[in-house]
């Protein structure tokens, strides 16, 4: 899978501000990039030990389990392939992304069929190729499988179901990670903090966009 420099891509996509709403087009083995929309529901996975201020419904959902054991393991492995640990931060599991996705399945039940069906589709494809489920395959075989569905413009027509699932799942992983404490720190997002001096966008970003400030 192709490598992408996370720091540069984050700058180019302009995701320092919450709410950019962008989508990645590939799956990378090292480095992270995505945009987030911070909502009440997307932050619950950061505060499972402290439920003060949460609604009764939210507290109830946090304590429930949607995925069975095999599905949960697949969610964890797939999430960590999409957002692996690197020199700046931990992986998706370290940030609580599997718990976040479990919560979202309960909070937004309309997602359940597509995500659960996609996990099964992934297993079926791996069984055809390697006579193993996705989580039982080697990491190299897992990444090869994802290469076939992570890039919509390259994917074969028969992979369309997998492409749709992967795009949806990657969005969940990205949102879960970058609305977590770890993800926010990874972005360097400071929140509502006064800036003593605004020096404008970095020159490399201006060069990339082909624009400049008026003299």
N, C-alpha and C. Protein backbone atom coordinates (compact mmCIF):
# COMPACT_ATOMS: atom_id res chain seq x y z
N UNK A 1 0.84 -1.20 0.00
CA UNK A 1 0.00 0.00 0.00
C UNK A 1 0.88 1.25 0.00
N UNK A 2 0.41 2.30 -0.60
CA UNK A 2 1.22 3.48 -0.82
C UNK A 2 1.47 4.26 0.46
N UNK A 3 2.65 4.81 0.60
CA UNK A 3 2.98 5.61 1.76
C UNK A 3 2.63 7.07 1.51
N UNK A 4 2.11 7.72 2.53
CA UNK A 4 1.76 9.13 2.45
C UNK A 4 2.34 9.81 3.68
N UNK A 5 3.00 10.94 3.50
CA UNK A 5 3.51 11.69 4.63
C UNK A 5 2.36 12.38 5.33
N UNK A 6 2.09 11.94 6.56
CA UNK A 6 0.90 12.44 7.26
C UNK A 6 0.93 13.94 7.48
N UNK A 7 2.05 14.45 7.98
CA UNK A 7 2.11 15.87 8.31
C UNK A 7 1.84 16.73 7.09
N UNK A 8 2.47 16.42 5.95
CA UNK A 8 2.28 17.20 4.73
C UNK A 8 0.85 17.11 4.24
N UNK A 9 0.29 15.88 4.25
CA UNK A 9 -1.06 15.72 3.74
C UNK A 9 -2.07 16.44 4.60
N UNK A 10 -1.87 16.41 5.91
CA UNK A 10 -2.77 17.15 6.79
C UNK A 10 -2.75 18.64 6.47
N UNK A 11 -1.55 19.15 6.18
CA UNK A 11 -1.44 20.56 5.86
C UNK A 11 -2.11 20.87 4.52
N UNK A 12 -1.90 20.02 3.54
CA UNK A 12 -2.48 20.26 2.22
C UNK A 12 -4.00 20.19 2.24
N UNK A 13 -4.52 19.27 3.07
CA UNK A 13 -5.97 19.13 3.14
C UNK A 13 -6.61 20.19 4.01
N UNK A 14 -5.77 20.88 4.81
CA UNK A 14 -6.31 21.93 5.67
C UNK A 14 -7.18 21.41 6.76
N UNK A 15 -6.75 20.34 7.43
CA UNK A 15 -7.62 19.73 8.43
C UNK A 15 -7.27 20.17 9.84
N UNK A 16 -6.55 21.28 9.98
CA UNK A 16 -6.28 21.79 11.32
C UNK A 16 -7.53 22.29 11.99
N UNK A 17 -8.55 22.64 11.20
CA UNK A 17 -9.81 23.11 11.76
C UNK A 17 -10.80 21.97 11.83
N UNK A 18 -11.50 21.85 12.93
CA UNK A 18 -12.51 20.83 13.07
C UNK A 18 -13.66 21.11 12.12
N UNK A 19 -14.13 20.05 11.45
CA UNK A 19 -15.29 20.20 10.59
C UNK A 19 -14.95 20.30 9.13
N UNK A 20 -13.75 19.89 8.72
CA UNK A 20 -13.38 19.99 7.31
C UNK A 20 -14.16 19.02 6.45
N UNK A 21 -14.44 17.82 6.97
CA UNK A 21 -15.30 16.88 6.26
C UNK A 21 -14.70 16.30 5.00
N UNK A 22 -13.43 15.94 5.00
CA UNK A 22 -12.78 15.39 3.83
C UNK A 22 -12.69 13.88 3.93
N UNK A 23 -12.42 13.23 2.78
CA UNK A 23 -12.33 11.79 2.74
C UNK A 23 -11.04 11.38 2.08
N UNK A 24 -10.34 10.43 2.65
CA UNK A 24 -9.13 9.91 2.03
C UNK A 24 -9.48 8.99 0.89
N UNK A 25 -8.54 8.81 -0.04
CA UNK A 25 -8.77 7.93 -1.17
C UNK A 25 -7.90 6.71 -1.15
N UNK A 26 -7.11 6.51 -0.11
CA UNK A 26 -6.26 5.33 -0.08
C UNK A 26 -6.02 4.82 1.31
N UNK A 27 -5.44 3.63 1.39
CA UNK A 27 -5.09 3.03 2.67
C UNK A 27 -3.59 2.97 2.77
N UNK A 28 -3.02 3.53 3.82
CA UNK A 28 -1.58 3.65 3.93
C UNK A 28 -1.02 2.80 5.04
N UNK A 29 0.18 2.27 4.89
CA UNK A 29 0.75 1.43 5.92
C UNK A 29 1.41 2.21 7.03
N UNK A 30 1.80 3.45 6.80
CA UNK A 30 2.49 4.24 7.81
C UNK A 30 2.16 5.70 7.62
N UNK A 31 1.58 6.33 8.60
CA UNK A 31 1.20 7.73 8.46
C UNK A 31 -0.31 7.85 8.42
N UNK A 32 -0.83 9.00 8.86
CA UNK A 32 -2.27 9.15 9.01
C UNK A 32 -2.75 10.46 8.43
N UNK A 33 -3.95 10.45 7.90
CA UNK A 33 -4.55 11.69 7.44
C UNK A 33 -6.04 11.53 7.36
N UNK A 34 -6.79 12.52 7.77
CA UNK A 34 -8.24 12.51 7.67
C UNK A 34 -8.76 13.82 8.20
N UNK A 35 -10.07 14.04 8.03
CA UNK A 35 -10.69 15.22 8.63
C UNK A 35 -11.78 14.74 9.56
N UNK A 36 -12.14 15.58 10.52
CA UNK A 36 -13.12 15.17 11.51
C UNK A 36 -14.21 16.20 11.64
N UNK A 37 -15.37 15.72 12.07
CA UNK A 37 -16.45 16.60 12.48
C UNK A 37 -16.74 16.25 13.92
N UNK A 38 -16.46 17.15 14.84
CA UNK A 38 -16.60 16.86 16.26
C UNK A 38 -18.05 17.08 16.69
N UNK A 39 -18.70 15.99 17.09
CA UNK A 39 -20.07 16.06 17.60
C UNK A 39 -20.11 15.40 18.96
N UNK A 40 -21.22 15.56 19.66
CA UNK A 40 -21.34 14.95 20.98
C UNK A 40 -21.13 13.45 20.89
N UNK A 41 -21.78 12.81 19.90
CA UNK A 41 -21.71 11.36 19.83
C UNK A 41 -20.31 10.88 19.51
N UNK A 42 -19.53 11.63 18.72
CA UNK A 42 -18.21 11.16 18.34
C UNK A 42 -17.21 11.30 19.46
N UNK A 43 -17.57 11.94 20.54
CA UNK A 43 -16.62 12.08 21.63
C UNK A 43 -16.84 11.10 22.77
N UNK A 44 -17.90 10.35 22.73
CA UNK A 44 -18.21 9.49 23.86
C UNK A 44 -17.14 8.43 24.08
N UNK A 45 -16.44 8.00 23.02
CA UNK A 45 -15.45 6.95 23.20
C UNK A 45 -14.24 7.44 23.97
N UNK A 46 -14.12 8.74 24.19
CA UNK A 46 -13.00 9.27 24.96
C UNK A 46 -13.29 9.31 26.45
N UNK A 47 -14.53 9.15 26.81
CA UNK A 47 -14.91 9.42 28.20
C UNK A 47 -15.72 8.28 28.80
N UNK A 48 -15.39 7.06 28.42
CA UNK A 48 -16.19 5.94 28.91
C UNK A 48 -16.09 5.77 30.41
N UNK A 49 -14.99 6.23 31.00
CA UNK A 49 -14.83 6.09 32.45
C UNK A 49 -15.54 7.22 33.20
N UNK A 50 -15.92 8.27 32.49
CA UNK A 50 -16.58 9.41 33.11
C UNK A 50 -17.83 9.74 32.32
N UNK A 51 -18.97 9.27 32.79
CA UNK A 51 -20.22 9.45 32.04
C UNK A 51 -21.03 10.63 32.56
N UNK A 52 -20.45 11.44 33.41
CA UNK A 52 -21.16 12.61 33.93
C UNK A 52 -21.55 13.53 32.79
N UNK A 53 -22.79 13.96 32.78
CA UNK A 53 -23.25 14.89 31.76
C UNK A 53 -23.80 14.21 30.52
N UNK A 54 -23.65 12.90 30.42
CA UNK A 54 -24.18 12.19 29.25
C UNK A 54 -25.64 11.83 29.47
N UNK A 55 -26.38 11.73 28.39
CA UNK A 55 -27.79 11.37 28.50
C UNK A 55 -27.91 9.92 28.94
N UNK A 56 -29.07 9.57 29.47
CA UNK A 56 -29.31 8.19 29.89
C UNK A 56 -29.19 7.24 28.72
N UNK A 57 -29.68 7.66 27.56
CA UNK A 57 -29.60 6.81 26.37
C UNK A 57 -28.14 6.54 25.99
N UNK A 58 -27.32 7.59 26.02
CA UNK A 58 -25.91 7.43 25.68
C UNK A 58 -25.21 6.50 26.66
N UNK A 59 -25.48 6.66 27.95
CA UNK A 59 -24.89 5.78 28.94
C UNK A 59 -25.28 4.33 28.69
N UNK A 60 -26.53 4.13 28.29
CA UNK A 60 -27.02 2.78 28.02
C UNK A 60 -26.30 2.17 26.82
N UNK A 61 -26.13 2.97 25.76
CA UNK A 61 -25.49 2.46 24.55
C UNK A 61 -24.01 2.15 24.79
N UNK A 62 -23.35 2.97 25.60
CA UNK A 62 -21.93 2.74 25.87
C UNK A 62 -21.71 1.37 26.49
N UNK A 63 -22.66 0.92 27.27
CA UNK A 63 -22.52 -0.37 27.95
C UNK A 63 -22.94 -1.56 27.13
N UNK A 64 -23.43 -1.35 25.90
CA UNK A 64 -23.90 -2.45 25.06
C UNK A 64 -22.86 -2.88 24.04
N UNK A 65 -22.98 -4.11 23.60
CA UNK A 65 -22.08 -4.68 22.62
C UNK A 65 -22.85 -4.98 21.34
N UNK A 66 -22.38 -4.47 20.22
CA UNK A 66 -23.03 -4.76 18.94
C UNK A 66 -22.33 -5.89 18.19
N UNK A 67 -21.02 -5.80 18.02
CA UNK A 67 -20.29 -6.80 17.26
C UNK A 67 -20.08 -8.08 18.07
N UNK A 68 -20.13 -9.24 17.37
CA UNK A 68 -19.73 -10.47 18.04
C UNK A 68 -18.20 -10.49 18.12
N UNK A 69 -17.64 -11.50 18.76
CA UNK A 69 -16.20 -11.51 19.03
C UNK A 69 -15.38 -11.48 17.74
N UNK A 70 -15.79 -12.25 16.75
CA UNK A 70 -15.04 -12.28 15.49
C UNK A 70 -15.12 -10.94 14.77
N UNK A 71 -16.32 -10.36 14.72
CA UNK A 71 -16.48 -9.05 14.09
C UNK A 71 -15.66 -7.99 14.81
N UNK A 72 -15.67 -8.04 16.14
CA UNK A 72 -14.93 -7.06 16.92
C UNK A 72 -13.43 -7.16 16.63
N UNK A 73 -12.94 -8.38 16.50
CA UNK A 73 -11.52 -8.57 16.19
C UNK A 73 -11.21 -8.03 14.80
N UNK A 74 -12.12 -8.26 13.85
CA UNK A 74 -11.92 -7.76 12.48
C UNK A 74 -11.91 -6.24 12.46
N UNK A 75 -12.83 -5.63 13.20
CA UNK A 75 -12.88 -4.17 13.29
C UNK A 75 -11.57 -3.63 13.82
N UNK A 76 -11.02 -4.29 14.83
CA UNK A 76 -9.78 -3.83 15.45
C UNK A 76 -8.60 -3.96 14.47
N UNK A 77 -8.50 -5.11 13.83
CA UNK A 77 -7.38 -5.33 12.89
C UNK A 77 -7.48 -4.38 11.70
N UNK A 78 -8.67 -4.24 11.14
CA UNK A 78 -8.86 -3.37 9.99
C UNK A 78 -8.60 -1.92 10.34
N UNK A 79 -9.08 -1.49 11.50
CA UNK A 79 -8.85 -0.12 11.92
C UNK A 79 -7.37 0.19 12.09
N UNK A 80 -6.61 -0.77 12.64
CA UNK A 80 -5.19 -0.55 12.86
C UNK A 80 -4.39 -0.58 11.57
N UNK A 81 -4.91 -1.25 10.55
CA UNK A 81 -4.26 -1.20 9.24
C UNK A 81 -4.49 0.16 8.58
N UNK A 82 -5.66 0.73 8.80
CA UNK A 82 -5.97 2.03 8.22
C UNK A 82 -5.20 3.13 8.95
N UNK A 83 -5.16 3.06 10.27
CA UNK A 83 -4.43 4.05 11.07
C UNK A 83 -3.49 3.32 12.02
N UNK A 84 -2.28 3.00 11.54
CA UNK A 84 -1.32 2.28 12.37
C UNK A 84 -0.58 3.20 13.33
N UNK A 85 0.08 2.61 14.27
CA UNK A 85 0.94 3.36 15.17
C UNK A 85 2.12 3.92 14.40
N UNK A 86 2.53 5.13 14.73
CA UNK A 86 3.72 5.70 14.10
C UNK A 86 4.50 6.49 15.13
N UNK A 87 5.45 7.30 14.66
CA UNK A 87 6.33 8.00 15.58
C UNK A 87 5.62 9.10 16.36
N UNK A 88 4.41 9.48 15.94
CA UNK A 88 3.71 10.58 16.60
C UNK A 88 2.60 10.13 17.54
N UNK A 89 2.00 9.01 17.25
CA UNK A 89 0.87 8.59 18.08
C UNK A 89 0.60 7.10 17.92
N UNK A 90 -0.31 6.60 18.75
CA UNK A 90 -0.68 5.21 18.70
C UNK A 90 -1.60 4.90 17.53
N UNK A 91 -2.06 3.66 17.46
CA UNK A 91 -2.92 3.24 16.36
C UNK A 91 -4.39 3.48 16.71
N UNK A 92 -5.26 3.05 15.81
CA UNK A 92 -6.69 3.27 16.01
C UNK A 92 -7.19 2.63 17.30
N UNK A 93 -6.71 1.43 17.58
CA UNK A 93 -7.14 0.74 18.81
C UNK A 93 -6.70 1.51 20.05
N UNK A 94 -5.48 2.05 20.02
CA UNK A 94 -4.98 2.81 21.16
C UNK A 94 -5.86 4.02 21.46
N UNK A 95 -6.48 4.56 20.41
CA UNK A 95 -7.33 5.75 20.57
C UNK A 95 -8.78 5.40 20.91
N UNK A 96 -9.10 4.10 21.01
CA UNK A 96 -10.46 3.71 21.35
C UNK A 96 -11.39 3.67 20.16
N UNK A 97 -10.85 3.58 18.94
CA UNK A 97 -11.70 3.60 17.74
C UNK A 97 -12.64 2.39 17.67
N UNK A 98 -12.20 1.16 18.00
CA UNK A 98 -13.16 0.04 17.95
C UNK A 98 -14.37 0.27 18.85
N UNK A 99 -14.15 0.82 20.03
CA UNK A 99 -15.27 1.12 20.93
C UNK A 99 -16.17 2.21 20.35
N UNK A 100 -15.54 3.19 19.70
CA UNK A 100 -16.31 4.25 19.05
C UNK A 100 -17.20 3.68 17.95
N UNK A 101 -16.65 2.80 17.11
CA UNK A 101 -17.43 2.22 16.02
C UNK A 101 -18.57 1.37 16.57
N UNK A 102 -18.30 0.62 17.63
CA UNK A 102 -19.36 -0.16 18.27
C UNK A 102 -20.49 0.75 18.73
N UNK A 103 -20.11 1.88 19.35
CA UNK A 103 -21.12 2.84 19.81
C UNK A 103 -21.92 3.40 18.64
N UNK A 104 -21.24 3.72 17.54
CA UNK A 104 -21.92 4.31 16.39
C UNK A 104 -22.92 3.34 15.76
N UNK A 105 -22.62 2.04 15.79
CA UNK A 105 -23.55 1.06 15.26
C UNK A 105 -24.86 1.06 16.05
N UNK A 106 -24.75 1.30 17.36
CA UNK A 106 -25.93 1.35 18.21
C UNK A 106 -26.64 2.69 18.13
N UNK A 107 -25.85 3.75 18.03
CA UNK A 107 -26.41 5.10 17.98
C UNK A 107 -27.04 5.39 16.62
N UNK A 108 -26.49 4.80 15.56
CA UNK A 108 -26.99 5.01 14.20
C UNK A 108 -27.25 3.65 13.55
N UNK A 109 -28.32 3.00 13.92
CA UNK A 109 -28.59 1.63 13.45
C UNK A 109 -28.69 1.49 11.94
N UNK A 110 -28.92 2.60 11.24
CA UNK A 110 -28.99 2.52 9.78
C UNK A 110 -27.65 2.12 9.17
N UNK A 111 -26.57 2.21 9.94
CA UNK A 111 -25.25 1.82 9.46
C UNK A 111 -24.98 0.32 9.64
N UNK A 112 -25.77 -0.33 10.44
CA UNK A 112 -25.45 -1.70 10.85
C UNK A 112 -25.33 -2.67 9.69
N UNK A 113 -26.30 -2.65 8.80
CA UNK A 113 -26.31 -3.62 7.71
C UNK A 113 -25.09 -3.47 6.80
N UNK A 114 -24.75 -2.24 6.46
CA UNK A 114 -23.63 -2.03 5.54
C UNK A 114 -22.30 -2.41 6.18
N UNK A 115 -22.11 -2.08 7.46
CA UNK A 115 -20.85 -2.40 8.12
C UNK A 115 -20.74 -3.90 8.40
N UNK A 116 -21.76 -4.48 8.96
CA UNK A 116 -21.72 -5.93 9.23
C UNK A 116 -21.63 -6.73 7.95
N UNK A 117 -22.36 -6.30 6.93
CA UNK A 117 -22.29 -6.98 5.64
C UNK A 117 -20.91 -6.83 5.01
N UNK A 118 -20.30 -5.66 5.19
CA UNK A 118 -18.96 -5.44 4.64
C UNK A 118 -17.91 -6.31 5.30
N UNK A 119 -18.03 -6.48 6.61
CA UNK A 119 -17.09 -7.35 7.33
C UNK A 119 -17.21 -8.79 6.83
N UNK A 120 -18.43 -9.22 6.58
CA UNK A 120 -18.63 -10.57 6.06
C UNK A 120 -18.11 -10.69 4.64
N UNK A 121 -18.33 -9.66 3.84
CA UNK A 121 -17.82 -9.65 2.46
C UNK A 121 -16.30 -9.81 2.47
N UNK A 122 -15.65 -9.12 3.38
CA UNK A 122 -14.20 -9.18 3.48
C UNK A 122 -13.75 -10.61 3.80
N UNK A 123 -14.45 -11.26 4.71
CA UNK A 123 -14.11 -12.64 5.05
C UNK A 123 -14.33 -13.58 3.87
N UNK A 124 -15.42 -13.39 3.15
CA UNK A 124 -15.72 -14.25 2.00
C UNK A 124 -14.62 -14.14 0.95
N UNK A 125 -14.19 -12.91 0.67
CA UNK A 125 -13.13 -12.71 -0.32
C UNK A 125 -11.83 -13.36 0.12
N UNK A 126 -11.50 -13.24 1.39
CA UNK A 126 -10.26 -13.84 1.89
C UNK A 126 -10.34 -15.36 1.91
N UNK A 127 -11.53 -15.89 2.18
CA UNK A 127 -11.71 -17.33 2.14
C UNK A 127 -11.50 -17.86 0.72
N UNK A 128 -11.97 -17.10 -0.26
CA UNK A 128 -11.79 -17.50 -1.66
C UNK A 128 -10.31 -17.48 -2.05
N UNK A 129 -9.59 -16.50 -1.54
CA UNK A 129 -8.19 -16.34 -1.92
C UNK A 129 -7.24 -17.20 -1.10
N UNK A 130 -7.50 -17.30 0.21
CA UNK A 130 -6.52 -17.91 1.10
C UNK A 130 -7.10 -18.99 2.02
N UNK A 131 -8.39 -19.26 1.88
CA UNK A 131 -9.07 -20.24 2.75
C UNK A 131 -8.96 -19.85 4.22
N UNK A 132 -8.92 -18.54 4.47
CA UNK A 132 -8.85 -18.01 5.82
C UNK A 132 -9.72 -16.77 5.91
N UNK A 133 -10.19 -16.47 7.11
CA UNK A 133 -10.89 -15.20 7.31
C UNK A 133 -9.88 -14.06 7.24
N UNK A 134 -10.37 -12.84 7.18
CA UNK A 134 -9.48 -11.68 7.05
C UNK A 134 -8.48 -11.61 8.19
N UNK A 135 -8.94 -11.79 9.42
CA UNK A 135 -8.04 -11.65 10.57
C UNK A 135 -7.04 -12.79 10.66
N UNK A 136 -7.32 -13.91 10.02
CA UNK A 136 -6.40 -15.05 10.04
C UNK A 136 -5.33 -14.95 8.96
N UNK A 137 -5.51 -14.06 8.01
CA UNK A 137 -4.54 -13.89 6.93
C UNK A 137 -3.30 -13.17 7.43
N UNK A 138 -2.20 -13.31 6.70
CA UNK A 138 -1.00 -12.56 7.04
C UNK A 138 -1.24 -11.08 6.79
N UNK A 139 -0.44 -10.24 7.39
CA UNK A 139 -0.60 -8.80 7.19
C UNK A 139 -0.40 -8.43 5.72
N UNK A 140 0.52 -9.11 5.05
CA UNK A 140 0.75 -8.85 3.62
C UNK A 140 -0.49 -9.17 2.80
N UNK A 141 -1.14 -10.30 3.11
CA UNK A 141 -2.36 -10.67 2.38
C UNK A 141 -3.51 -9.73 2.73
N UNK A 142 -3.56 -9.28 3.98
CA UNK A 142 -4.60 -8.33 4.37
C UNK A 142 -4.45 -7.02 3.59
N UNK A 143 -3.22 -6.53 3.50
CA UNK A 143 -2.98 -5.28 2.79
C UNK A 143 -3.25 -5.43 1.30
N UNK A 144 -2.93 -6.60 0.74
CA UNK A 144 -3.20 -6.84 -0.68
C UNK A 144 -4.71 -6.82 -0.93
N UNK A 145 -5.47 -7.38 0.01
CA UNK A 145 -6.92 -7.35 -0.11
C UNK A 145 -7.43 -5.91 -0.08
N UNK A 146 -6.90 -5.13 0.83
CA UNK A 146 -7.35 -3.74 0.95
C UNK A 146 -6.94 -2.90 -0.25
N UNK A 147 -5.80 -3.22 -0.86
CA UNK A 147 -5.38 -2.50 -2.06
C UNK A 147 -6.41 -2.62 -3.17
N UNK A 148 -7.17 -3.71 -3.17
CA UNK A 148 -8.17 -3.93 -4.22
C UNK A 148 -9.44 -3.14 -4.00
N UNK A 149 -9.61 -2.57 -2.81
CA UNK A 149 -10.86 -1.84 -2.53
C UNK A 149 -10.62 -0.44 -1.99
N UNK A 150 -9.38 -0.08 -1.71
CA UNK A 150 -9.10 1.23 -1.10
C UNK A 150 -9.05 2.36 -2.11
N UNK A 151 -8.90 2.03 -3.38
CA UNK A 151 -8.74 3.06 -4.42
C UNK A 151 -9.86 2.89 -5.45
N UNK A 152 -10.97 3.62 -5.29
CA UNK A 152 -12.14 3.42 -6.16
C UNK A 152 -11.85 3.51 -7.64
N UNK A 153 -10.96 4.42 -8.05
CA UNK A 153 -10.70 4.59 -9.48
C UNK A 153 -9.97 3.40 -10.08
N UNK A 154 -9.32 2.59 -9.25
CA UNK A 154 -8.59 1.43 -9.75
C UNK A 154 -9.33 0.11 -9.55
N UNK A 155 -10.32 0.13 -8.68
CA UNK A 155 -10.99 -1.11 -8.30
C UNK A 155 -11.76 -1.73 -9.46
N UNK A 156 -11.74 -3.05 -9.51
CA UNK A 156 -12.49 -3.78 -10.52
C UNK A 156 -13.99 -3.72 -10.19
N UNK A 157 -14.84 -3.78 -11.21
CA UNK A 157 -16.29 -3.68 -10.97
C UNK A 157 -16.79 -4.68 -9.93
N UNK A 158 -16.24 -5.88 -9.93
CA UNK A 158 -16.71 -6.89 -8.99
C UNK A 158 -16.32 -6.58 -7.55
N UNK A 159 -15.47 -5.57 -7.36
CA UNK A 159 -15.07 -5.16 -6.03
C UNK A 159 -15.91 -3.99 -5.50
N UNK A 160 -16.96 -3.61 -6.22
CA UNK A 160 -17.73 -2.40 -5.87
C UNK A 160 -18.32 -2.46 -4.47
N UNK A 161 -18.79 -3.62 -4.06
CA UNK A 161 -19.35 -3.74 -2.71
C UNK A 161 -18.27 -3.50 -1.66
N UNK A 162 -17.10 -4.05 -1.90
CA UNK A 162 -15.99 -3.85 -0.98
C UNK A 162 -15.54 -2.40 -0.93
N UNK A 163 -15.53 -1.75 -2.09
CA UNK A 163 -15.13 -0.34 -2.16
C UNK A 163 -16.08 0.52 -1.32
N UNK A 164 -17.37 0.28 -1.47
CA UNK A 164 -18.36 1.05 -0.71
C UNK A 164 -18.19 0.82 0.79
N UNK A 165 -17.98 -0.43 1.17
CA UNK A 165 -17.78 -0.75 2.58
C UNK A 165 -16.52 -0.07 3.11
N UNK A 166 -15.42 -0.18 2.37
CA UNK A 166 -14.16 0.35 2.87
C UNK A 166 -14.22 1.87 3.02
N UNK A 167 -14.83 2.55 2.07
CA UNK A 167 -14.97 4.00 2.18
C UNK A 167 -15.76 4.37 3.44
N UNK A 168 -16.83 3.65 3.69
CA UNK A 168 -17.67 3.91 4.86
C UNK A 168 -16.90 3.62 6.14
N UNK A 169 -16.23 2.48 6.19
CA UNK A 169 -15.50 2.08 7.38
C UNK A 169 -14.34 3.02 7.66
N UNK A 170 -13.64 3.41 6.61
CA UNK A 170 -12.50 4.33 6.78
C UNK A 170 -12.97 5.67 7.34
N UNK A 171 -14.11 6.13 6.90
CA UNK A 171 -14.65 7.38 7.44
C UNK A 171 -14.92 7.25 8.95
N UNK A 172 -15.45 6.11 9.36
CA UNK A 172 -15.70 5.89 10.78
C UNK A 172 -14.40 5.86 11.57
N UNK A 173 -13.40 5.17 11.04
CA UNK A 173 -12.11 5.08 11.72
C UNK A 173 -11.49 6.47 11.84
N UNK A 174 -11.52 7.23 10.75
CA UNK A 174 -10.93 8.56 10.75
C UNK A 174 -11.62 9.48 11.75
N UNK A 175 -12.94 9.46 11.73
CA UNK A 175 -13.69 10.29 12.66
C UNK A 175 -13.42 9.87 14.09
N UNK A 176 -13.42 8.57 14.34
CA UNK A 176 -13.16 8.08 15.68
C UNK A 176 -11.79 8.47 16.19
N UNK A 177 -10.78 8.37 15.33
CA UNK A 177 -9.42 8.68 15.76
C UNK A 177 -9.24 10.17 16.01
N UNK A 178 -9.65 11.00 15.04
CA UNK A 178 -9.34 12.42 15.17
C UNK A 178 -10.32 13.21 16.02
N UNK A 179 -11.28 12.52 16.61
CA UNK A 179 -12.08 13.17 17.66
C UNK A 179 -11.71 12.60 19.02
N UNK A 180 -10.72 11.73 19.06
CA UNK A 180 -10.22 11.21 20.34
C UNK A 180 -9.16 12.16 20.89
N UNK A 181 -8.85 12.03 22.15
CA UNK A 181 -7.80 12.85 22.76
C UNK A 181 -6.48 12.66 22.02
N UNK A 182 -6.16 11.39 21.70
CA UNK A 182 -4.92 11.10 20.99
C UNK A 182 -4.90 11.76 19.61
N UNK A 183 -6.02 11.67 18.90
CA UNK A 183 -6.08 12.23 17.56
C UNK A 183 -5.99 13.74 17.54
N UNK A 184 -6.64 14.38 18.50
CA UNK A 184 -6.59 15.84 18.59
C UNK A 184 -5.17 16.30 18.89
N UNK A 185 -4.49 15.58 19.77
CA UNK A 185 -3.09 15.90 20.06
C UNK A 185 -2.22 15.65 18.84
N UNK A 186 -2.54 14.61 18.08
CA UNK A 186 -1.79 14.28 16.87
C UNK A 186 -1.88 15.41 15.85
N UNK A 187 -3.07 16.00 15.74
CA UNK A 187 -3.27 17.11 14.81
C UNK A 187 -2.61 18.40 15.29
N UNK A 188 -2.35 18.48 16.58
CA UNK A 188 -1.83 19.72 17.13
C UNK A 188 -2.92 20.77 17.26
N UNK A 189 -4.19 20.32 17.31
CA UNK A 189 -5.31 21.25 17.42
C UNK A 189 -5.36 21.85 18.81
N UNK A 190 -5.30 23.16 18.93
CA UNK A 190 -5.24 23.83 20.21
C UNK A 190 -6.59 24.32 20.71
N UNK A 191 -7.60 24.27 19.88
CA UNK A 191 -8.91 24.73 20.30
C UNK A 191 -8.99 26.25 20.30
N UNK A 192 -9.82 26.78 21.15
CA UNK A 192 -10.06 28.22 21.20
C UNK A 192 -8.96 28.91 22.01
N UNK A 193 -7.78 29.01 21.39
CA UNK A 193 -6.61 29.59 22.06
C UNK A 193 -6.18 30.85 21.31
N UNK A 194 -5.92 31.90 22.05
CA UNK A 194 -5.50 33.16 21.42
C UNK A 194 -4.15 33.00 20.74
N UNK A 195 -4.02 33.61 19.55
CA UNK A 195 -2.76 33.59 18.81
C UNK A 195 -2.16 34.98 18.87
N UNK A 196 -0.95 35.07 19.41
CA UNK A 196 -0.33 36.39 19.58
C UNK A 196 -0.08 37.07 18.25
N UNK A 197 0.32 36.31 17.26
CA UNK A 197 0.62 36.88 15.95
C UNK A 197 0.26 35.90 14.85
N UNK A 198 -0.63 36.31 13.94
CA UNK A 198 -1.03 35.46 12.82
C UNK A 198 -0.11 35.74 11.64
N UNK A 199 0.65 34.74 11.26
CA UNK A 199 1.62 34.91 10.19
C UNK A 199 1.12 34.37 8.86
N UNK A 200 -0.13 33.94 8.83
CA UNK A 200 -0.68 33.43 7.59
C UNK A 200 -0.38 31.96 7.38
N UNK A 201 -0.85 31.44 6.25
CA UNK A 201 -0.61 30.03 5.92
C UNK A 201 0.86 29.81 5.63
N UNK A 202 1.40 28.62 5.91
CA UNK A 202 2.80 28.32 5.60
C UNK A 202 3.08 28.49 4.10
N UNK A 203 4.28 28.92 3.77
CA UNK A 203 4.63 29.17 2.38
C UNK A 203 4.48 27.93 1.53
N UNK A 204 4.80 26.77 2.08
CA UNK A 204 4.70 25.55 1.29
C UNK A 204 3.26 25.26 0.88
N UNK A 205 2.31 25.66 1.73
CA UNK A 205 0.90 25.48 1.37
C UNK A 205 0.50 26.45 0.28
N UNK A 206 0.96 27.71 0.40
CA UNK A 206 0.67 28.70 -0.63
C UNK A 206 1.25 28.25 -1.97
N UNK A 207 2.47 27.71 -1.94
CA UNK A 207 3.11 27.23 -3.17
C UNK A 207 2.32 26.07 -3.77
N UNK A 208 1.86 25.17 -2.91
CA UNK A 208 1.10 24.02 -3.37
C UNK A 208 -0.18 24.45 -4.06
N UNK A 209 -0.83 25.46 -3.51
CA UNK A 209 -2.09 25.97 -4.06
C UNK A 209 -1.89 26.96 -5.20
N UNK A 210 -0.66 27.41 -5.36
CA UNK A 210 -0.39 28.38 -6.43
C UNK A 210 -0.94 29.75 -6.16
N UNK A 211 -0.97 30.15 -4.87
CA UNK A 211 -1.48 31.47 -4.51
C UNK A 211 -0.45 32.19 -3.65
N UNK A 212 -0.69 33.47 -3.42
CA UNK A 212 0.23 34.25 -2.59
C UNK A 212 -0.53 35.38 -1.95
N UNK A 213 0.03 35.92 -0.88
CA UNK A 213 -0.57 37.08 -0.23
C UNK A 213 -0.17 38.34 -1.02
N UNK A 214 -1.07 39.31 -1.07
CA UNK A 214 -0.75 40.59 -1.73
C UNK A 214 0.37 41.27 -0.97
N UNK A 215 1.24 41.90 -1.70
CA UNK A 215 2.37 42.60 -1.06
C UNK A 215 1.85 43.81 -0.29
